[in-house]
């Protein structure tokens, strides 16, 4: 069935939203997609960042996803992403909407989420989003994203903030969202 189909959709925003990549392939019983946008203006306003990056894999699912994401970035010589609470609230809401069937699996409303974060932070210079679903734990979903070129690109992108959210749908299916922000 479609459980093995992976859609990667990457967008970039200048004056218009342009579709750059639409690729389908199979991977790890995970269905996921990625999307990126770059707004027209950069901002120098200070970010509102929540607590420190966790140093262990203990904690809730969001902390574990952050840990594995930052562990991967560190292995490539990149600085850790900092959890941003407003991004996480939007990521969680998107995951809940997908899990409840209020929106289809994918990036519906991404531009609205990115614009909302830009307003809260006083601007931003880039945004991207990874989504996935499956019967996965934190390491499983991060490994799936690492093994997908589009998701990997977002995870290794020039971002400094992240929002993470998840929600359980029917059965044991979990919907995941990562929002990456450059501020």
C-alpha atoms as a PDB file:
ATOM      1  CA  UNK A   1       0.000   0.000   0.000  1.00  0.00           C
ATOM      2  CA  UNK A   2       1.038   3.639   0.211  1.00  0.00           C
ATOM      3  CA  UNK A   3       2.794   3.115   3.567  1.00  0.00           C
ATOM      4  CA  UNK A   4       6.048   2.708   1.676  1.00  0.00           C
ATOM      5  CA  UNK A   5       5.676   5.715  -0.611  1.00  0.00           C
ATOM      6  CA  UNK A   6       7.709   8.768   0.216  1.00  0.00           C
ATOM      7  CA  UNK A   7       6.893  12.120  -1.311  1.00  0.00           C
ATOM      8  CA  UNK A   8       9.502  14.828  -1.197  1.00  0.00           C
ATOM      9  CA  UNK A   9       8.271  18.267  -2.080  1.00  0.00           C
ATOM     10  CA  UNK A  10      10.676  21.090  -1.676  1.00  0.00           C
ATOM     11  CA  UNK A  11       9.565  24.650  -2.124  1.00  0.00           C
ATOM     12  CA  UNK A  12      11.435  27.909  -2.107  1.00  0.00           C
ATOM     13  CA  UNK A  13       9.755  31.274  -1.846  1.00  0.00           C
ATOM     14  CA  UNK A  14      11.080  34.421  -3.518  1.00  0.00           C
ATOM     15  CA  UNK A  15       8.266  36.488  -4.968  1.00  0.00           C
ATOM     16  CA  UNK A  16       6.352  33.347  -5.935  1.00  0.00           C
ATOM     17  CA  UNK A  17       6.327  29.861  -4.458  1.00  0.00           C
ATOM     18  CA  UNK A  18       8.185  27.618  -6.926  1.00  0.00           C
ATOM     19  CA  UNK A  19       8.057  23.859  -6.989  1.00  0.00           C
ATOM     20  CA  UNK A  20      11.651  22.605  -7.135  1.00  0.00           C
ATOM     21  CA  UNK A  21      11.484  18.904  -6.539  1.00  0.00           C
ATOM     22  CA  UNK A  22       8.778  16.237  -6.563  1.00  0.00           C
ATOM     23  CA  UNK A  23      10.255  12.801  -6.087  1.00  0.00           C
ATOM     24  CA  UNK A  24       8.636   9.554  -5.078  1.00  0.00           C
ATOM     25  CA  UNK A  25      10.457   6.522  -3.711  1.00  0.00           C
ATOM     26  CA  UNK A  26      10.155   3.893  -1.009  1.00  0.00           C
ATOM     27  CA  UNK A  27      11.748   3.839   2.413  1.00  0.00           C
ATOM     28  CA  UNK A  28      11.358   2.295   5.904  1.00  0.00           C
ATOM     29  CA  UNK A  29       7.552   2.120   6.203  1.00  0.00           C
ATOM     30  CA  UNK A  30       7.577   5.876   6.615  1.00  0.00           C
ATOM     31  CA  UNK A  31       5.637   8.361   4.580  1.00  0.00           C
ATOM     32  CA  UNK A  32       7.216  11.762   4.686  1.00  0.00           C
ATOM     33  CA  UNK A  33       7.709  14.961   2.816  1.00  0.00           C
ATOM     34  CA  UNK A  34       9.851  18.025   3.050  1.00  0.00           C
ATOM     35  CA  UNK A  35       9.258  21.629   2.114  1.00  0.00           C
ATOM     36  CA  UNK A  36      11.375  24.774   2.369  1.00  0.00           C
ATOM     37  CA  UNK A  37      10.695  28.462   1.946  1.00  0.00           C
ATOM     38  CA  UNK A  38      12.819  31.592   2.024  1.00  0.00           C
ATOM     39  CA  UNK A  39      10.974  34.844   2.642  1.00  0.00           C
ATOM     40  CA  UNK A  40      11.878  38.056   0.852  1.00  0.00           C
ATOM     41  CA  UNK A  41      13.439  39.876   3.846  1.00  0.00           C
ATOM     42  CA  UNK A  42      16.055  38.912   6.408  1.00  0.00           C
ATOM     43  CA  UNK A  43      15.608  40.015  10.001  1.00  0.00           C
ATOM     44  CA  UNK A  44      18.072  40.774  12.754  1.00  0.00           C
ATOM     45  CA  UNK A  45      15.599  40.643  15.650  1.00  0.00           C
ATOM     46  CA  UNK A  46      16.480  38.319  18.523  1.00  0.00           C
ATOM     47  CA  UNK A  47      14.827  34.892  18.640  1.00  0.00           C
ATOM     48  CA  UNK A  48      12.685  33.753  21.555  1.00  0.00           C
ATOM     49  CA  UNK A  49      14.280  30.403  22.316  1.00  0.00           C
ATOM     50  CA  UNK A  50      13.195  27.894  24.910  1.00  0.00           C
ATOM     51  CA  UNK A  51      15.473  25.887  27.203  1.00  0.00           C
ATOM     52  CA  UNK A  52      18.805  24.242  26.411  1.00  0.00           C
ATOM     53  CA  UNK A  53      19.316  21.463  23.912  1.00  0.00           C
ATOM     54  CA  UNK A  54      18.971  18.129  25.743  1.00  0.00           C
ATOM     55  CA  UNK A  55      22.209  16.179  26.162  1.00  0.00           C
ATOM     56  CA  UNK A  56      20.620  12.764  26.485  1.00  0.00           C
ATOM     57  CA  UNK A  57      17.942  10.668  24.829  1.00  0.00           C
ATOM     58  CA  UNK A  58      15.763  10.687  27.927  1.00  0.00           C
ATOM     59  CA  UNK A  59      12.713  12.896  28.003  1.00  0.00           C
ATOM     60  CA  UNK A  60       9.673  13.162  25.810  1.00  0.00           C
ATOM     61  CA  UNK A  61       9.477  12.347  22.101  1.00  0.00           C
ATOM     62  CA  UNK A  62      10.241  15.949  21.086  1.00  0.00           C
ATOM     63  CA  UNK A  63      13.402  16.002  23.204  1.00  0.00           C
ATOM     64  CA  UNK A  64      14.495  12.691  21.716  1.00  0.00           C
ATOM     65  CA  UNK A  65      13.878  13.858  18.126  1.00  0.00           C
ATOM     66  CA  UNK A  66      15.857  17.032  18.877  1.00  0.00           C
ATOM     67  CA  UNK A  67      18.667  14.965  20.390  1.00  0.00           C
ATOM     68  CA  UNK A  68      18.976  12.656  17.359  1.00  0.00           C
ATOM     69  CA  UNK A  69      18.651  15.570  14.918  1.00  0.00           C
ATOM     70  CA  UNK A  70      21.417  17.512  16.686  1.00  0.00           C
ATOM     71  CA  UNK A  71      23.548  14.381  17.001  1.00  0.00           C
ATOM     72  CA  UNK A  72      23.353  14.016  13.216  1.00  0.00           C
ATOM     73  CA  UNK A  73      24.165  17.702  12.667  1.00  0.00           C
ATOM     74  CA  UNK A  74      27.145  17.440  15.038  1.00  0.00           C
ATOM     75  CA  UNK A  75      28.469  14.456  13.067  1.00  0.00           C
ATOM     76  CA  UNK A  76      28.631  16.815  10.070  1.00  0.00           C
ATOM     77  CA  UNK A  77      30.294  19.650  12.015  1.00  0.00           C
ATOM     78  CA  UNK A  78      27.133  21.768  12.296  1.00  0.00           C
ATOM     79  CA  UNK A  79      25.902  23.623  15.375  1.00  0.00           C
ATOM     80  CA  UNK A  80      22.885  22.321  17.271  1.00  0.00           C
ATOM     81  CA  UNK A  81      19.402  23.597  16.607  1.00  0.00           C
ATOM     82  CA  UNK A  82      17.614  25.249  19.516  1.00  0.00           C
ATOM     83  CA  UNK A  83      14.034  24.339  20.308  1.00  0.00           C
ATOM     84  CA  UNK A  84      11.688  27.285  19.778  1.00  0.00           C
ATOM     85  CA  UNK A  85       8.412  26.925  21.668  1.00  0.00           C
ATOM     86  CA  UNK A  86       6.218  28.786  19.169  1.00  0.00           C
ATOM     87  CA  UNK A  87       7.558  26.634  16.314  1.00  0.00           C
ATOM     88  CA  UNK A  88       6.873  23.521  18.372  1.00  0.00           C
ATOM     89  CA  UNK A  89       3.297  24.595  19.076  1.00  0.00           C
ATOM     90  CA  UNK A  90       2.679  25.070  15.343  1.00  0.00           C
ATOM     91  CA  UNK A  91       4.396  21.765  14.509  1.00  0.00           C
ATOM     92  CA  UNK A  92       2.287  19.957  17.101  1.00  0.00           C
ATOM     93  CA  UNK A  93      -0.918  21.550  15.791  1.00  0.00           C
ATOM     94  CA  UNK A  94      -0.054  20.480  12.235  1.00  0.00           C
ATOM     95  CA  UNK A  95       0.648  16.910  13.424  1.00  0.00           C
ATOM     96  CA  UNK A  96      -2.656  16.872  15.338  1.00  0.00           C
ATOM     97  CA  UNK A  97      -4.534  18.111  12.249  1.00  0.00           C
ATOM     98  CA  UNK A  98      -2.982  15.372  10.090  1.00  0.00           C
ATOM     99  CA  UNK A  99      -3.637  12.691  12.736  1.00  0.00           C
ATOM    100  CA  UNK A 100      -7.297  13.742  13.083  1.00  0.00           C
ATOM    101  CA  UNK A 101      -7.816  13.964   9.328  1.00  0.00           C
ATOM    102  CA  UNK A 102      -8.558  17.710   9.434  1.00  0.00           C
ATOM    103  CA  UNK A 103      -5.840  18.125   6.829  1.00  0.00           C
ATOM    104  CA  UNK A 104      -4.223  15.628   4.519  1.00  0.00           C
ATOM    105  CA  UNK A 105      -0.736  14.328   5.079  1.00  0.00           C
ATOM    106  CA  UNK A 106       1.689  16.920   3.772  1.00  0.00           C
ATOM    107  CA  UNK A 107       2.390  20.615   3.955  1.00  0.00           C
ATOM    108  CA  UNK A 108      -1.019  22.230   3.741  1.00  0.00           C
ATOM    109  CA  UNK A 109      -0.737  25.542   5.575  1.00  0.00           C
ATOM    110  CA  UNK A 110       3.087  25.639   5.572  1.00  0.00           C
ATOM    111  CA  UNK A 111       3.164  29.209   4.292  1.00  0.00           C
ATOM    112  CA  UNK A 112       0.803  30.259   7.092  1.00  0.00           C
ATOM    113  CA  UNK A 113       2.966  28.498   9.713  1.00  0.00           C
ATOM    114  CA  UNK A 114       6.146  30.105   8.324  1.00  0.00           C
ATOM    115  CA  UNK A 115       4.536  33.566   8.239  1.00  0.00           C
ATOM    116  CA  UNK A 116       3.274  33.164  11.829  1.00  0.00           C
ATOM    117  CA  UNK A 117       6.760  32.260  13.054  1.00  0.00           C
ATOM    118  CA  UNK A 118       8.219  35.199  11.143  1.00  0.00           C
ATOM    119  CA  UNK A 119       5.817  37.534  12.950  1.00  0.00           C
ATOM    120  CA  UNK A 120       6.554  36.059  16.388  1.00  0.00           C
ATOM    121  CA  UNK A 121      10.311  36.223  15.845  1.00  0.00           C
ATOM    122  CA  UNK A 122      10.254  39.617  14.159  1.00  0.00           C
ATOM    123  CA  UNK A 123      11.294  38.087  10.835  1.00  0.00           C
ATOM    124  CA  UNK A 124      13.332  35.200   9.536  1.00  0.00           C
ATOM    125  CA  UNK A 125      15.511  34.430   6.533  1.00  0.00           C
ATOM    126  CA  UNK A 126      14.446  30.849   5.871  1.00  0.00           C
ATOM    127  CA  UNK A 127      12.070  28.069   6.803  1.00  0.00           C
ATOM    128  CA  UNK A 128      11.661  24.409   5.959  1.00  0.00           C
ATOM    129  CA  UNK A 129       9.441  21.576   7.114  1.00  0.00           C
ATOM    130  CA  UNK A 130       9.729  17.805   7.356  1.00  0.00           C
ATOM    131  CA  UNK A 131       6.703  15.628   8.023  1.00  0.00           C
ATOM    132  CA  UNK A 132       6.390  11.883   8.426  1.00  0.00           C
ATOM    133  CA  UNK A 133       4.064   9.240   9.752  1.00  0.00           C
ATOM    134  CA  UNK A 134       4.348   5.632  10.772  1.00  0.00           C
ATOM    135  CA  UNK A 135       4.737   3.296  13.712  1.00  0.00           C
ATOM    136  CA  UNK A 136       8.053   4.894  14.593  1.00  0.00           C
ATOM    137  CA  UNK A 137       9.948   5.996  17.651  1.00  0.00           C
ATOM    138  CA  UNK A 138      12.138   9.132  17.733  1.00  0.00           C
ATOM    139  CA  UNK A 139      15.255   7.386  16.422  1.00  0.00           C
ATOM    140  CA  UNK A 140      13.270   5.642  13.692  1.00  0.00           C
ATOM    141  CA  UNK A 141      11.732   8.827  12.314  1.00  0.00           C
ATOM    142  CA  UNK A 142      15.043  10.729  12.450  1.00  0.00           C
ATOM    143  CA  UNK A 143      16.856   7.823  10.739  1.00  0.00           C
ATOM    144  CA  UNK A 144      14.180   7.823   8.031  1.00  0.00           C
ATOM    145  CA  UNK A 145      14.667  11.550   7.465  1.00  0.00           C
ATOM    146  CA  UNK A 146      18.465  11.137   7.424  1.00  0.00           C
ATOM    147  CA  UNK A 147      18.165   8.472   4.727  1.00  0.00           C
ATOM    148  CA  UNK A 148      15.967  10.686   2.530  1.00  0.00           C
ATOM    149  CA  UNK A 149      17.881  13.286   0.460  1.00  0.00           C
ATOM    150  CA  UNK A 150      15.290  16.072   0.819  1.00  0.00           C
ATOM    151  CA  UNK A 151      14.811  15.602   4.545  1.00  0.00           C
ATOM    152  CA  UNK A 152      18.550  15.259   5.079  1.00  0.00           C
ATOM    153  CA  UNK A 153      19.056  18.569   3.266  1.00  0.00           C
ATOM    154  CA  UNK A 154      16.644  20.300   5.652  1.00  0.00           C
ATOM    155  CA  UNK A 155      18.268  18.703   8.694  1.00  0.00           C
ATOM    156  CA  UNK A 156      21.696  19.913   7.530  1.00  0.00           C
ATOM    157  CA  UNK A 157      20.407  23.294   6.344  1.00  0.00           C
ATOM    158  CA  UNK A 158      21.490  26.716   7.495  1.00  0.00           C
ATOM    159  CA  UNK A 159      18.935  26.873  10.306  1.00  0.00           C
ATOM    160  CA  UNK A 160      19.348  27.703  13.979  1.00  0.00           C
ATOM    161  CA  UNK A 161      15.870  27.062  15.425  1.00  0.00           C
ATOM    162  CA  UNK A 162      13.549  24.078  15.306  1.00  0.00           C
ATOM    163  CA  UNK A 163      10.016  23.249  16.304  1.00  0.00           C
ATOM    164  CA  UNK A 164       8.965  19.639  16.760  1.00  0.00           C
ATOM    165  CA  UNK A 165       5.497  18.196  17.195  1.00  0.00           C
ATOM    166  CA  UNK A 166       3.841  14.804  16.987  1.00  0.00           C
ATOM    167  CA  UNK A 167       0.378  13.340  17.427  1.00  0.00           C
ATOM    168  CA  UNK A 168      -1.031   9.843  17.455  1.00  0.00           C
ATOM    169  CA  UNK A 169      -3.598   8.998  14.822  1.00  0.00           C
ATOM    170  CA  UNK A 170      -5.602   5.807  14.376  1.00  0.00           C
ATOM    171  CA  UNK A 171      -4.001   2.717  15.826  1.00  0.00           C
ATOM    172  CA  UNK A 172      -0.335   3.158  16.535  1.00  0.00           C
ATOM    173  CA  UNK A 173       0.314   5.590  13.672  1.00  0.00           C
ATOM    174  CA  UNK A 174       2.170   8.727  14.780  1.00  0.00           C
ATOM    175  CA  UNK A 175       2.355  11.915  12.692  1.00  0.00           C
ATOM    176  CA  UNK A 176       5.540  13.984  13.017  1.00  0.00           C
ATOM    177  CA  UNK A 177       6.399  17.562  12.020  1.00  0.00           C
ATOM    178  CA  UNK A 178       9.741  19.382  12.165  1.00  0.00           C
ATOM    179  CA  UNK A 179       9.835  23.137  11.427  1.00  0.00           C
ATOM    180  CA  UNK A 180      13.304  24.533  10.703  1.00  0.00           C
ATOM    181  CA  UNK A 181      13.880  28.290  10.983  1.00  0.00           C
ATOM    182  CA  UNK A 182      16.819  30.552  10.174  1.00  0.00           C
ATOM    183  CA  UNK A 183      16.628  33.638  12.323  1.00  0.00           C
END
